[in-house]
């Protein structure tokens, strides 16, 4: 949910990889399919409802993966975050010098 909200607020999916979502989507489809194939081969459809955690987890995973895929390939395709600080619309002063967080000086 946080990533969905971040993508919506930014109107972009720039900065994260869709590959992990595609792999998770494939795993979710295969997991739910396994329940159906096993039940079919056993001739007993209670195997689908007999493991509600696996069924729910597979379906929730596929549901969210579809939303991410739609965001990445259709809704925000081509939208990117600002590439430089000059493109930002806030009042921060980026011209002043800032001390680094890590020092390259004396190491003990």
N, C-alpha and C. Protein backbone atom coordinates (compact mmCIF):
# COMPACT_ATOMS: atom_id res chain seq x y z
N UNK A 1 0.81 -1.21 0.00
CA UNK A 1 0.00 0.00 0.00
C UNK A 1 0.85 1.27 0.00
N UNK A 2 1.95 1.31 0.79
CA UNK A 2 2.75 2.55 0.76
C UNK A 2 3.33 2.84 -0.63
N UNK A 3 3.77 1.80 -1.34
CA UNK A 3 4.33 2.05 -2.67
C UNK A 3 3.26 2.49 -3.65
N UNK A 4 2.06 1.93 -3.53
CA UNK A 4 0.96 2.38 -4.39
C UNK A 4 0.66 3.86 -4.15
N UNK A 5 0.63 4.26 -2.87
CA UNK A 5 0.36 5.66 -2.53
C UNK A 5 1.48 6.57 -3.01
N UNK A 6 2.72 6.12 -2.88
CA UNK A 6 3.86 6.92 -3.34
C UNK A 6 3.80 7.12 -4.85
N UNK A 7 3.52 6.04 -5.57
CA UNK A 7 3.40 6.15 -7.03
C UNK A 7 2.28 7.11 -7.42
N UNK A 8 1.16 7.03 -6.70
CA UNK A 8 0.03 7.92 -6.99
C UNK A 8 0.40 9.38 -6.70
N UNK A 9 1.03 9.64 -5.56
CA UNK A 9 1.40 11.01 -5.19
C UNK A 9 2.42 11.59 -6.15
N UNK A 10 3.38 10.78 -6.59
CA UNK A 10 4.41 11.24 -7.52
C UNK A 10 3.92 11.23 -8.97
N UNK A 11 2.82 10.53 -9.24
CA UNK A 11 2.35 10.32 -10.60
C UNK A 11 3.46 9.76 -11.47
N UNK A 12 4.25 8.85 -10.86
CA UNK A 12 5.38 8.26 -11.55
C UNK A 12 5.78 6.96 -10.85
N UNK A 13 6.35 6.04 -11.62
CA UNK A 13 6.95 4.83 -11.04
C UNK A 13 8.46 4.86 -11.21
N UNK A 14 8.99 6.01 -11.49
CA UNK A 14 10.42 6.17 -11.70
C UNK A 14 11.17 5.85 -10.41
N UNK A 15 12.21 5.04 -10.51
CA UNK A 15 13.06 4.77 -9.36
C UNK A 15 12.91 3.38 -8.76
N UNK A 16 12.00 2.58 -9.26
CA UNK A 16 11.91 1.20 -8.78
C UNK A 16 11.73 0.28 -9.97
N UNK A 17 12.12 -0.96 -9.79
CA UNK A 17 12.14 -1.92 -10.89
C UNK A 17 10.82 -2.68 -10.99
N UNK A 18 10.30 -2.79 -12.18
CA UNK A 18 9.08 -3.55 -12.42
C UNK A 18 9.38 -5.05 -12.48
N UNK A 19 10.64 -5.43 -12.62
CA UNK A 19 10.99 -6.84 -12.76
C UNK A 19 10.58 -7.67 -11.55
N UNK A 20 10.75 -7.14 -10.34
CA UNK A 20 10.36 -7.88 -9.15
C UNK A 20 8.84 -8.08 -9.10
N UNK A 21 8.09 -7.11 -9.60
CA UNK A 21 6.64 -7.22 -9.65
C UNK A 21 6.23 -8.30 -10.64
N UNK A 22 6.89 -8.34 -11.79
CA UNK A 22 6.57 -9.36 -12.79
C UNK A 22 6.88 -10.76 -12.28
N UNK A 23 7.98 -10.91 -11.55
CA UNK A 23 8.31 -12.21 -10.97
C UNK A 23 7.30 -12.60 -9.89
N UNK A 24 6.89 -11.66 -9.05
CA UNK A 24 5.91 -11.93 -8.02
C UNK A 24 4.56 -12.29 -8.64
N UNK A 25 4.19 -11.62 -9.71
CA UNK A 25 2.95 -11.91 -10.43
C UNK A 25 2.97 -13.34 -10.96
N UNK A 26 4.09 -13.73 -11.55
CA UNK A 26 4.23 -15.10 -12.06
C UNK A 26 4.12 -16.11 -10.93
N UNK A 27 4.77 -15.84 -9.81
CA UNK A 27 4.70 -16.74 -8.66
C UNK A 27 3.29 -16.85 -8.11
N UNK A 28 2.56 -15.75 -8.04
CA UNK A 28 1.19 -15.78 -7.55
C UNK A 28 0.28 -16.58 -8.45
N UNK A 29 0.42 -16.39 -9.76
CA UNK A 29 -0.38 -17.15 -10.72
C UNK A 29 -0.07 -18.64 -10.60
N UNK A 30 1.21 -19.00 -10.51
CA UNK A 30 1.58 -20.41 -10.40
C UNK A 30 1.11 -21.02 -9.09
N UNK A 31 1.15 -20.26 -8.01
CA UNK A 31 0.71 -20.75 -6.71
C UNK A 31 -0.78 -21.08 -6.72
N UNK A 32 -1.59 -20.16 -7.22
CA UNK A 32 -3.04 -20.40 -7.28
C UNK A 32 -3.34 -21.51 -8.28
N UNK A 33 -2.62 -21.55 -9.39
CA UNK A 33 -2.83 -22.61 -10.38
C UNK A 33 -2.51 -23.97 -9.80
N UNK A 34 -1.50 -24.06 -8.95
CA UNK A 34 -1.14 -25.32 -8.33
C UNK A 34 -2.29 -25.87 -7.48
N UNK A 35 -2.97 -24.98 -6.76
CA UNK A 35 -4.12 -25.41 -5.97
C UNK A 35 -5.19 -26.05 -6.86
N UNK A 36 -5.49 -25.41 -7.98
CA UNK A 36 -6.51 -25.92 -8.88
C UNK A 36 -6.08 -27.21 -9.56
N UNK A 37 -4.82 -27.30 -10.00
CA UNK A 37 -4.34 -28.51 -10.67
C UNK A 37 -4.33 -29.68 -9.70
N UNK A 38 -3.84 -29.47 -8.47
CA UNK A 38 -3.83 -30.55 -7.48
C UNK A 38 -5.24 -31.03 -7.17
N UNK A 39 -6.17 -30.11 -7.02
CA UNK A 39 -7.55 -30.49 -6.73
C UNK A 39 -8.17 -31.25 -7.90
N UNK A 40 -7.87 -30.82 -9.10
CA UNK A 40 -8.40 -31.49 -10.29
C UNK A 40 -7.87 -32.93 -10.38
N UNK A 41 -6.56 -33.09 -10.16
CA UNK A 41 -5.96 -34.42 -10.26
C UNK A 41 -6.46 -35.36 -9.17
N UNK A 42 -6.78 -34.82 -8.00
CA UNK A 42 -7.29 -35.64 -6.91
C UNK A 42 -8.80 -35.86 -7.01
N UNK A 43 -9.45 -35.12 -7.85
CA UNK A 43 -10.89 -35.23 -8.00
C UNK A 43 -11.66 -34.70 -6.81
N UNK A 44 -11.01 -33.88 -6.01
CA UNK A 44 -11.63 -33.32 -4.81
C UNK A 44 -11.34 -31.82 -4.76
N UNK A 45 -12.36 -31.01 -4.99
CA UNK A 45 -12.17 -29.57 -5.06
C UNK A 45 -12.05 -28.91 -3.69
N UNK A 46 -12.12 -29.67 -2.63
CA UNK A 46 -11.93 -29.08 -1.30
C UNK A 46 -10.47 -28.67 -1.09
N UNK A 47 -9.59 -29.13 -1.97
CA UNK A 47 -8.18 -28.73 -1.87
C UNK A 47 -7.99 -27.24 -2.13
N UNK A 48 -8.88 -26.65 -2.92
CA UNK A 48 -8.78 -25.21 -3.20
C UNK A 48 -9.16 -24.42 -1.96
N UNK A 49 -10.25 -24.80 -1.34
CA UNK A 49 -10.70 -24.09 -0.14
C UNK A 49 -10.07 -24.65 1.13
N UNK A 50 -9.41 -25.80 1.02
CA UNK A 50 -8.78 -26.40 2.19
C UNK A 50 -7.51 -25.69 2.62
N UNK A 51 -6.97 -24.86 1.78
CA UNK A 51 -5.77 -24.10 2.11
C UNK A 51 -6.08 -22.62 1.87
N UNK A 52 -6.90 -22.01 2.75
CA UNK A 52 -7.33 -20.63 2.50
C UNK A 52 -6.20 -19.61 2.56
N UNK A 53 -5.16 -19.90 3.33
CA UNK A 53 -4.04 -18.94 3.43
C UNK A 53 -3.30 -18.86 2.10
N UNK A 54 -3.02 -20.00 1.49
CA UNK A 54 -2.32 -20.00 0.20
C UNK A 54 -3.18 -19.37 -0.88
N UNK A 55 -4.48 -19.68 -0.87
CA UNK A 55 -5.39 -19.10 -1.85
C UNK A 55 -5.48 -17.58 -1.69
N UNK A 56 -5.64 -17.11 -0.45
CA UNK A 56 -5.75 -15.67 -0.20
C UNK A 56 -4.45 -14.94 -0.53
N UNK A 57 -3.33 -15.50 -0.10
CA UNK A 57 -2.04 -14.85 -0.36
C UNK A 57 -1.74 -14.76 -1.85
N UNK A 58 -2.04 -15.82 -2.59
CA UNK A 58 -1.82 -15.80 -4.04
C UNK A 58 -2.70 -14.77 -4.72
N UNK A 59 -3.97 -14.71 -4.31
CA UNK A 59 -4.89 -13.75 -4.93
C UNK A 59 -4.57 -12.30 -4.56
N UNK A 60 -4.19 -12.05 -3.32
CA UNK A 60 -3.81 -10.68 -2.91
C UNK A 60 -2.56 -10.24 -3.65
N UNK A 61 -1.60 -11.15 -3.75
CA UNK A 61 -0.36 -10.84 -4.47
C UNK A 61 -0.63 -10.49 -5.92
N UNK A 62 -1.45 -11.28 -6.59
CA UNK A 62 -1.79 -11.02 -7.99
C UNK A 62 -2.55 -9.71 -8.12
N UNK A 63 -3.46 -9.43 -7.19
CA UNK A 63 -4.25 -8.20 -7.22
C UNK A 63 -3.35 -6.97 -7.19
N UNK A 64 -2.43 -6.93 -6.21
CA UNK A 64 -1.54 -5.77 -6.11
C UNK A 64 -0.56 -5.70 -7.26
N UNK A 65 -0.09 -6.85 -7.73
CA UNK A 65 0.83 -6.84 -8.87
C UNK A 65 0.16 -6.27 -10.12
N UNK A 66 -1.11 -6.58 -10.32
CA UNK A 66 -1.83 -6.03 -11.47
C UNK A 66 -1.92 -4.51 -11.35
N UNK A 67 -2.16 -4.00 -10.15
CA UNK A 67 -2.23 -2.55 -9.96
C UNK A 67 -0.87 -1.91 -10.28
N UNK A 68 0.22 -2.52 -9.79
CA UNK A 68 1.56 -1.99 -10.09
C UNK A 68 1.84 -2.02 -11.59
N UNK A 69 1.46 -3.09 -12.25
CA UNK A 69 1.69 -3.21 -13.70
C UNK A 69 0.91 -2.14 -14.45
N UNK A 70 -0.33 -1.92 -14.05
CA UNK A 70 -1.14 -0.87 -14.69
C UNK A 70 -0.52 0.50 -14.45
N UNK A 71 -0.07 0.76 -13.22
CA UNK A 71 0.59 2.05 -12.93
C UNK A 71 1.82 2.23 -13.79
N UNK A 72 2.65 1.19 -13.88
CA UNK A 72 3.94 1.33 -14.56
C UNK A 72 3.80 1.43 -16.08
N UNK A 73 2.94 0.59 -16.67
CA UNK A 73 2.88 0.53 -18.13
C UNK A 73 1.81 1.41 -18.76
N UNK A 74 0.77 1.78 -18.01
CA UNK A 74 -0.31 2.57 -18.61
C UNK A 74 -0.51 3.93 -17.97
N UNK A 75 -0.71 3.98 -16.68
CA UNK A 75 -1.05 5.26 -16.04
C UNK A 75 0.09 6.26 -16.05
N UNK A 76 1.27 5.81 -15.63
CA UNK A 76 2.40 6.73 -15.47
C UNK A 76 3.53 6.41 -16.43
N UNK A 77 3.25 5.82 -17.56
CA UNK A 77 4.27 5.50 -18.54
C UNK A 77 4.90 6.78 -19.09
N UNK A 78 6.20 6.89 -18.92
CA UNK A 78 6.90 8.07 -19.41
C UNK A 78 7.00 9.20 -18.40
N UNK A 79 6.25 9.14 -17.32
CA UNK A 79 6.35 10.18 -16.29
C UNK A 79 7.60 9.93 -15.46
N UNK A 80 8.39 10.97 -15.28
CA UNK A 80 9.59 10.86 -14.47
C UNK A 80 9.60 11.96 -13.44
N UNK A 81 10.34 11.71 -12.37
CA UNK A 81 10.54 12.73 -11.36
C UNK A 81 11.49 13.79 -11.91
N UNK A 82 11.54 14.98 -11.32
CA UNK A 82 12.47 16.00 -11.80
C UNK A 82 13.90 15.48 -11.79
N UNK A 83 14.64 15.81 -12.84
CA UNK A 83 16.02 15.31 -12.96
C UNK A 83 17.03 16.21 -12.28
N UNK A 84 16.69 17.43 -12.02
CA UNK A 84 17.63 18.33 -11.36
C UNK A 84 16.90 19.17 -10.33
N UNK A 85 17.66 19.77 -9.45
CA UNK A 85 17.06 20.59 -8.41
C UNK A 85 16.42 21.85 -8.99
N UNK A 86 16.81 22.23 -10.19
CA UNK A 86 16.22 23.41 -10.82
C UNK A 86 14.76 23.16 -11.22
N UNK A 87 14.41 21.87 -11.41
CA UNK A 87 13.05 21.53 -11.81
C UNK A 87 12.08 21.43 -10.64
N UNK A 88 12.58 21.45 -9.41
CA UNK A 88 11.72 21.34 -8.25
C UNK A 88 10.95 22.64 -8.01
N UNK A 89 9.73 22.50 -7.50
CA UNK A 89 8.88 23.68 -7.26
C UNK A 89 8.77 23.98 -5.77
N UNK A 90 9.88 24.07 -5.07
CA UNK A 90 9.81 24.43 -3.66
C UNK A 90 10.75 25.60 -3.39
N UNK A 91 10.75 26.07 -2.17
CA UNK A 91 11.49 27.28 -1.83
C UNK A 91 12.85 27.01 -1.20
N UNK A 92 13.37 25.81 -1.33
CA UNK A 92 14.67 25.50 -0.74
C UNK A 92 15.78 26.24 -1.49
N UNK A 93 16.79 26.64 -0.73
CA UNK A 93 17.94 27.33 -1.30
C UNK A 93 19.05 26.30 -1.49
N UNK A 94 19.27 25.85 -2.73
CA UNK A 94 20.25 24.83 -3.01
C UNK A 94 21.63 25.41 -3.30
N UNK A 95 21.76 26.72 -3.28
CA UNK A 95 23.04 27.32 -3.59
C UNK A 95 23.98 27.34 -2.39
N UNK A 96 23.45 27.22 -1.18
CA UNK A 96 24.32 27.28 -0.01
C UNK A 96 25.06 25.96 0.17
N UNK A 97 26.28 26.07 0.69
CA UNK A 97 27.13 24.91 0.86
C UNK A 97 26.67 24.09 2.06
N UNK A 98 26.76 22.78 1.92
CA UNK A 98 26.31 21.87 2.97
C UNK A 98 27.46 20.96 3.35
N UNK A 99 27.63 20.69 4.66
CA UNK A 99 28.67 19.77 5.12
C UNK A 99 28.27 18.34 4.78
N UNK A 100 29.23 17.50 4.38
CA UNK A 100 28.91 16.12 4.04
C UNK A 100 28.53 15.32 5.30
N UNK A 101 27.73 14.28 5.10
CA UNK A 101 27.35 13.43 6.22
C UNK A 101 28.52 12.57 6.69
N UNK A 102 29.33 12.12 5.75
CA UNK A 102 30.49 11.29 6.09
C UNK A 102 31.74 12.06 5.75
N UNK A 103 32.70 12.00 6.64
CA UNK A 103 33.96 12.70 6.43
C UNK A 103 34.97 11.75 5.82
N UNK A 104 35.76 12.25 4.88
CA UNK A 104 36.81 11.47 4.26
C UNK A 104 38.14 11.70 4.97
N UNK A 105 38.09 12.36 6.09
CA UNK A 105 39.29 12.74 6.82
C UNK A 105 39.89 11.60 7.63
N UNK A 106 40.28 11.89 8.85
CA UNK A 106 40.97 10.93 9.71
C UNK A 106 40.09 9.73 10.01
N UNK A 107 40.65 8.56 9.71
CA UNK A 107 39.96 7.30 10.04
C UNK A 107 40.73 6.62 11.14
N UNK A 108 40.03 6.30 12.20
CA UNK A 108 40.73 5.64 13.32
C UNK A 108 40.20 4.27 13.56
